[in-house]
Amino acid sequence: MPQLPSLNNETMWAILNENIDDDTVNRLVWYYLGYRYNTVENKWENTEVAPEWKEVYPEPPNFIENRPPTLKLTKSIPQENKQMLKEYLGFKGYKIGEFGPRQTRRATAANWLLSYMRIQGLI
């Protein structure tokens, strides 16, 4: 499995600007939710995943393709961190007509990762 990009502002912009593929965006969120891939057994492990995620998603969900896990991701962001894309990164949003569900879900992933960074004291 390829190495994940560093958790930093450059990575968040790469997610928003679609310079990182969807699979890598998913793997970043999975990693910080606690999912780990066991290369020996060729399967995902969830022993480090919070119960509220493990119960609903015993295997890591595809946040880019599916709305329900993205809604859960959005709800899991503390209220004070909901606007981090705008307030911390200065992201102005996508232009009308130039975005769809995929871009919205990528923005949610980036915002969740920023929130994670803040909670962990990384920013």
C-alpha atoms as a PDB file:
ATOM      1  CA  MET A   1       0.000   0.000   0.000  1.00  0.00           C
ATOM      2  CA  PRO A   2       1.477   3.389  -0.966  1.00  0.00           C
ATOM      3  CA  GLN A   3       2.609   5.739   1.780  1.00  0.00           C
ATOM      4  CA  LEU A   4       0.146   8.412   2.848  1.00  0.00           C
ATOM      5  CA  PRO A   5       0.946  12.102   2.388  1.00  0.00           C
ATOM      6  CA  SER A   6       1.803  14.134   5.469  1.00  0.00           C
ATOM      7  CA  LEU A   7      -1.011  15.656   7.455  1.00  0.00           C
ATOM      8  CA  ASN A   8      -0.444  19.355   6.692  1.00  0.00           C
ATOM      9  CA  ASN A   9      -1.934  22.361   4.884  1.00  0.00           C
ATOM     10  CA  GLU A  10      -0.360  21.370   1.562  1.00  0.00           C
ATOM     11  CA  THR A  11      -2.136  18.031   1.714  1.00  0.00           C
ATOM     12  CA  MET A  12      -5.460  19.719   2.513  1.00  0.00           C
ATOM     13  CA  TRP A  13      -5.076  22.005  -0.523  1.00  0.00           C
ATOM     14  CA  ALA A  14      -4.117  18.994  -2.659  1.00  0.00           C
ATOM     15  CA  ILE A  15      -7.346  17.278  -1.551  1.00  0.00           C
ATOM     16  CA  LEU A  16      -9.432  20.368  -2.381  1.00  0.00           C
ATOM     17  CA  ASN A  17      -7.676  20.942  -5.715  1.00  0.00           C
ATOM     18  CA  GLU A  18      -7.982  17.254  -6.633  1.00  0.00           C
ATOM     19  CA  ASN A  19      -4.221  16.757  -6.819  1.00  0.00           C
ATOM     20  CA  ILE A  20      -4.563  13.679  -4.611  1.00  0.00           C
ATOM     21  CA  ASP A  21      -6.639  10.760  -5.879  1.00  0.00           C
ATOM     22  CA  ASP A  22      -9.859   9.697  -4.166  1.00  0.00           C
ATOM     23  CA  ASP A  23      -8.362   6.453  -2.867  1.00  0.00           C
ATOM     24  CA  THR A  24      -5.626   8.349  -1.034  1.00  0.00           C
ATOM     25  CA  VAL A  25      -8.163  10.779   0.444  1.00  0.00           C
ATOM     26  CA  ASN A  26     -10.158   7.815   1.742  1.00  0.00           C
ATOM     27  CA  ARG A  27      -7.041   6.128   3.128  1.00  0.00           C
ATOM     28  CA  LEU A  28      -6.030   9.314   4.957  1.00  0.00           C
ATOM     29  CA  VAL A  29      -9.392   9.542   6.701  1.00  0.00           C
ATOM     30  CA  TRP A  30      -9.410   5.798   7.408  1.00  0.00           C
ATOM     31  CA  TYR A  31      -5.972   5.991   8.975  1.00  0.00           C
ATOM     32  CA  TYR A  32      -6.874   8.829  11.322  1.00  0.00           C
ATOM     33  CA  LEU A  33     -10.165   7.124  12.210  1.00  0.00           C
ATOM     34  CA  GLY A  34      -8.048   4.144  13.297  1.00  0.00           C
ATOM     35  CA  TYR A  35      -8.454   1.642  10.452  1.00  0.00           C
ATOM     36  CA  ARG A  36      -5.259  -0.309   9.698  1.00  0.00           C
ATOM     37  CA  TYR A  37      -4.531  -2.615   6.800  1.00  0.00           C
ATOM     38  CA  ASN A  38      -2.981  -5.941   7.743  1.00  0.00           C
ATOM     39  CA  THR A  39      -0.755  -6.854   4.809  1.00  0.00           C
ATOM     40  CA  VAL A  40      -0.117 -10.361   6.159  1.00  0.00           C
ATOM     41  CA  GLU A  41      -3.811 -11.257   6.277  1.00  0.00           C
ATOM     42  CA  ASN A  42      -4.793  -8.877   3.444  1.00  0.00           C
ATOM     43  CA  LYS A  43      -7.656  -7.351   5.407  1.00  0.00           C
ATOM     44  CA  TRP A  44      -8.633  -4.213   7.285  1.00  0.00           C
ATOM     45  CA  GLU A  45      -8.488  -4.200  11.064  1.00  0.00           C
ATOM     46  CA  ASN A  46     -10.599  -1.910  13.220  1.00  0.00           C
ATOM     47  CA  THR A  47      -9.213  -2.477  16.725  1.00  0.00           C
ATOM     48  CA  GLU A  48      -8.184   1.214  16.953  1.00  0.00           C
ATOM     49  CA  VAL A  49     -11.465   2.557  15.545  1.00  0.00           C
ATOM     50  CA  ALA A  50     -13.880   4.331  17.909  1.00  0.00           C
ATOM     51  CA  PRO A  51     -16.952   2.208  18.767  1.00  0.00           C
ATOM     52  CA  GLU A  52     -19.364   4.644  17.076  1.00  0.00           C
ATOM     53  CA  TRP A  53     -17.534   4.082  13.784  1.00  0.00           C
ATOM     54  CA  LYS A  54     -16.680   0.397  14.189  1.00  0.00           C
ATOM     55  CA  GLU A  55     -20.305  -0.480  14.942  1.00  0.00           C
ATOM     56  CA  VAL A  56     -21.653   1.092  11.753  1.00  0.00           C
ATOM     57  CA  TYR A  57     -18.576   0.591   9.545  1.00  0.00           C
ATOM     58  CA  PRO A  58     -16.588  -2.492  10.592  1.00  0.00           C
ATOM     59  CA  GLU A  59     -14.701  -2.039   7.298  1.00  0.00           C
ATOM     60  CA  PRO A  60     -13.567   1.419   6.165  1.00  0.00           C
ATOM     61  CA  PRO A  61     -16.286   3.153   4.115  1.00  0.00           C
ATOM     62  CA  ASN A  62     -15.754   4.950   0.827  1.00  0.00           C
ATOM     63  CA  PHE A  63     -16.310   8.579   1.795  1.00  0.00           C
ATOM     64  CA  ILE A  64     -15.989   9.898  -1.750  1.00  0.00           C
ATOM     65  CA  GLU A  65     -18.532   7.583  -3.369  1.00  0.00           C
ATOM     66  CA  ASN A  66     -21.101   7.271  -0.592  1.00  0.00           C
ATOM     67  CA  ARG A  67     -23.142   9.932   1.139  1.00  0.00           C
ATOM     68  CA  PRO A  68     -24.053   8.212   4.457  1.00  0.00           C
ATOM     69  CA  PRO A  69     -20.489   7.818   5.771  1.00  0.00           C
ATOM     70  CA  THR A  70     -19.709  11.389   4.727  1.00  0.00           C
ATOM     71  CA  LEU A  71     -22.721  12.642   6.693  1.00  0.00           C
ATOM     72  CA  LYS A  72     -21.444  10.732   9.738  1.00  0.00           C
ATOM     73  CA  LEU A  73     -18.017  12.291   9.177  1.00  0.00           C
ATOM     74  CA  THR A  74     -19.590  15.777   9.034  1.00  0.00           C
ATOM     75  CA  LYS A  75     -21.565  15.170  12.224  1.00  0.00           C
ATOM     76  CA  SER A  76     -18.416  14.003  14.007  1.00  0.00           C
ATOM     77  CA  ILE A  77     -16.683  17.368  13.480  1.00  0.00           C
ATOM     78  CA  PRO A  78     -17.042  19.510  16.632  1.00  0.00           C
ATOM     79  CA  GLN A  79     -19.118  22.646  16.037  1.00  0.00           C
ATOM     80  CA  GLU A  80     -16.143  24.966  16.638  1.00  0.00           C
ATOM     81  CA  ASN A  81     -14.240  23.192  13.818  1.00  0.00           C
ATOM     82  CA  LYS A  82     -17.008  23.105  11.187  1.00  0.00           C
ATOM     83  CA  GLN A  83     -15.656  26.130   9.263  1.00  0.00           C
ATOM     84  CA  MET A  84     -11.958  25.273   9.312  1.00  0.00           C
ATOM     85  CA  LEU A  85     -11.630  25.196   5.522  1.00  0.00           C
ATOM     86  CA  LYS A  86     -12.698  28.817   5.385  1.00  0.00           C
ATOM     87  CA  GLU A  87     -11.324  30.114   8.680  1.00  0.00           C
ATOM     88  CA  TYR A  88      -7.997  28.257   8.796  1.00  0.00           C
ATOM     89  CA  LEU A  89      -7.142  27.587   5.145  1.00  0.00           C
ATOM     90  CA  GLY A  90      -8.930  30.567   3.620  1.00  0.00           C
ATOM     91  CA  PHE A  91     -10.793  28.267   1.221  1.00  0.00           C
ATOM     92  CA  LYS A  92     -13.432  30.298  -0.614  1.00  0.00           C
ATOM     93  CA  GLY A  93     -15.391  27.253  -1.766  1.00  0.00           C
ATOM     94  CA  TYR A  94     -16.000  25.883  -5.206  1.00  0.00           C
ATOM     95  CA  LYS A  95     -17.585  27.973  -7.953  1.00  0.00           C
ATOM     96  CA  ILE A  96     -21.205  27.291  -8.796  1.00  0.00           C
ATOM     97  CA  GLY A  97     -21.422  24.850 -11.674  1.00  0.00           C
ATOM     98  CA  GLU A  98     -17.873  23.589 -11.091  1.00  0.00           C
ATOM     99  CA  PHE A  99     -18.533  21.140  -8.285  1.00  0.00           C
ATOM    100  CA  GLY A 100     -20.665  18.156  -7.450  1.00  0.00           C
ATOM    101  CA  PRO A 101     -21.049  15.597  -4.693  1.00  0.00           C
ATOM    102  CA  ARG A 102     -17.511  14.298  -5.183  1.00  0.00           C
ATOM    103  CA  GLN A 103     -15.904  17.708  -4.554  1.00  0.00           C
ATOM    104  CA  THR A 104     -18.219  18.325  -1.601  1.00  0.00           C
ATOM    105  CA  ARG A 105     -17.220  14.998  -0.064  1.00  0.00           C
ATOM    106  CA  ARG A 106     -13.533  15.740  -0.619  1.00  0.00           C
ATOM    107  CA  ALA A 107     -14.022  19.098   1.135  1.00  0.00           C
ATOM    108  CA  THR A 108     -15.714  17.303   4.041  1.00  0.00           C
ATOM    109  CA  ALA A 109     -12.755  14.921   4.291  1.00  0.00           C
ATOM    110  CA  ALA A 110     -10.307  17.846   4.296  1.00  0.00           C
ATOM    111  CA  ASN A 111     -12.322  19.680   6.951  1.00  0.00           C
ATOM    112  CA  TRP A 112     -12.494  16.556   9.110  1.00  0.00           C
ATOM    113  CA  LEU A 113      -8.718  16.091   8.784  1.00  0.00           C
ATOM    114  CA  LEU A 114      -8.148  19.747   9.753  1.00  0.00           C
ATOM    115  CA  SER A 115     -10.406  19.264  12.754  1.00  0.00           C
ATOM    116  CA  TYR A 116      -8.429  16.159  13.693  1.00  0.00           C
ATOM    117  CA  MET A 117      -5.212  18.168  13.418  1.00  0.00           C
ATOM    118  CA  ARG A 118      -6.605  20.869  15.731  1.00  0.00           C
ATOM    119  CA  ILE A 119      -7.887  18.332  18.283  1.00  0.00           C
ATOM    120  CA  GLN A 120      -4.485  16.605  18.305  1.00  0.00           C
ATOM    121  CA  GLY A 121      -2.676  19.938  18.760  1.00  0.00           C
ATOM    122  CA  LEU A 122      -0.991  19.740  15.357  1.00  0.00           C
ATOM    123  CA  ILE A 123      -2.236  23.217  14.398  1.00  0.00           C
END
